Protein backbone atom coordinates (compact mmCIF):
# COMPACT_ATOMS: atom_id res chain seq x y z
CA MET A 1 0.00 0.00 0.00
CA ILE A 2 1.11 3.52 -0.76
CA MET A 3 -0.33 6.02 1.71
CA ASP A 4 -0.43 9.73 1.00
CA TYR A 5 -2.40 11.49 3.73
CA CYS A 6 -3.79 10.97 7.20
CA GLU A 7 -6.32 13.08 9.04
CA GLN A 8 -8.36 12.75 12.19
CA GLU A 9 -11.77 14.24 12.89
CA ILE A 10 -14.34 14.06 15.64
CA LEU A 11 -17.92 13.51 14.53
CA GLU A 12 -20.69 13.33 17.13
CA GLU A 13 -18.21 12.37 19.88
CA MET A 14 -16.67 9.65 17.72
CA VAL A 15 -13.11 9.82 16.42
CA GLN A 16 -12.50 8.86 12.81
CA VAL A 17 -9.15 8.54 11.09
CA HIS A 18 -8.99 8.79 7.30
CA ILE A 19 -5.96 7.52 5.42
CA GLY A 20 -5.65 7.99 1.67
CA LEU A 21 -4.01 5.08 -0.09
CA GLN A 22 -3.33 3.22 -3.28
CA PHE A 23 -2.69 -0.46 -3.76
CA GLU A 24 0.50 -1.18 -5.70
CA ASP A 25 -1.36 -3.38 -8.19
CA GLU A 26 -3.88 -0.56 -8.85
CA PRO A 27 -1.74 2.59 -9.09
CA ASP A 28 -4.46 4.68 -10.74
CA SER A 29 -7.12 4.01 -8.09
CA LEU A 30 -7.37 6.14 -4.95
CA TYR A 31 -8.93 4.65 -1.82
CA VAL A 32 -9.69 5.94 1.67
CA ALA A 33 -9.36 3.80 4.76
CA GLU A 34 -11.80 4.99 7.42
CA LEU A 35 -11.06 3.87 10.96
CA ALA A 36 -13.53 4.38 13.81
CA VAL A 37 -11.58 4.81 17.05
CA GLY A 38 -12.96 4.32 20.57
CA ASP A 39 -12.06 6.43 23.61
CA ASP A 40 -9.43 3.86 24.57
CA GLY A 41 -7.55 4.31 21.27
CA TYR A 42 -8.57 0.95 19.82
CA VAL A 43 -9.98 0.82 16.30
CA THR A 44 -13.52 -0.50 16.49
CA GLU A 45 -14.22 -0.52 12.76
CA TRP A 46 -12.04 -0.70 9.63
CA LYS A 47 -13.58 0.33 6.30
CA LEU A 48 -12.22 0.93 2.83
CA PHE A 49 -13.93 3.32 0.43
CA PHE A 50 -13.54 3.87 -3.31
CA ASN A 51 -15.38 6.85 -4.81
CA GLY A 52 -17.47 7.07 -1.64
CA PHE A 53 -18.60 3.44 -1.75
CA ASP A 54 -17.79 0.89 0.93
CA CYS A 55 -15.63 -1.84 -0.62
CA LYS A 56 -16.51 -4.38 2.12
CA TYR A 57 -12.77 -5.06 2.28
CA THR A 58 -11.07 -7.05 5.02
CA PHE A 59 -7.65 -5.66 5.81
CA ARG A 60 -4.85 -8.18 6.21
CA PRO A 61 -2.79 -8.08 9.45
CA ASP A 62 0.21 -6.54 7.65
CA GLU A 63 -2.04 -3.84 6.15
CA ILE A 64 -3.49 -3.07 9.59
CA GLU A 65 0.01 -2.74 11.01
CA ALA A 66 1.02 -0.42 8.14
CA LEU A 67 -2.05 1.80 8.68
CA ILE A 68 -1.38 2.02 12.43
CA ASP A 69 2.29 2.89 11.80
CA TYR A 70 1.37 5.53 9.20
CA ALA A 71 -1.14 7.15 11.55
CA GLY A 72 1.54 7.16 14.28
CA GLU A 73 3.95 8.96 11.95
CA HIS A 74 1.30 11.70 11.77
CA GLY A 75 0.86 11.93 15.54
CA ILE A 76 -2.30 9.80 15.73
CA VAL A 77 -1.88 6.94 18.18
CA ILE A 78 -4.28 4.06 17.57
CA GLN A 79 -4.24 0.33 18.21
CA ALA A 80 -5.75 -2.70 16.47
CA LEU A 81 -9.08 -4.07 17.59
CA LYS A 82 -8.97 -5.87 20.92
CA SER A 83 -9.33 -9.63 20.67
CA SER A 84 -12.39 -11.11 22.30
């Protein structure tokens, strides 16, 4: 994944992190990963959007780690979903 921006916003007392990205095998397609973050800093929901539509994508563990690291590089500290 190639990531190019990261921003955090608070909507109705919920924190969302948006990360713009491209997949290396689709260099002309721009996606947005939308992460819902709880008060404890854990991501409660991972979504991927293309042109505003939910891709129903399941991020692989290495992709999750890359997104968390990228957010951290931009001063946003988040953690993967807690295991049950």
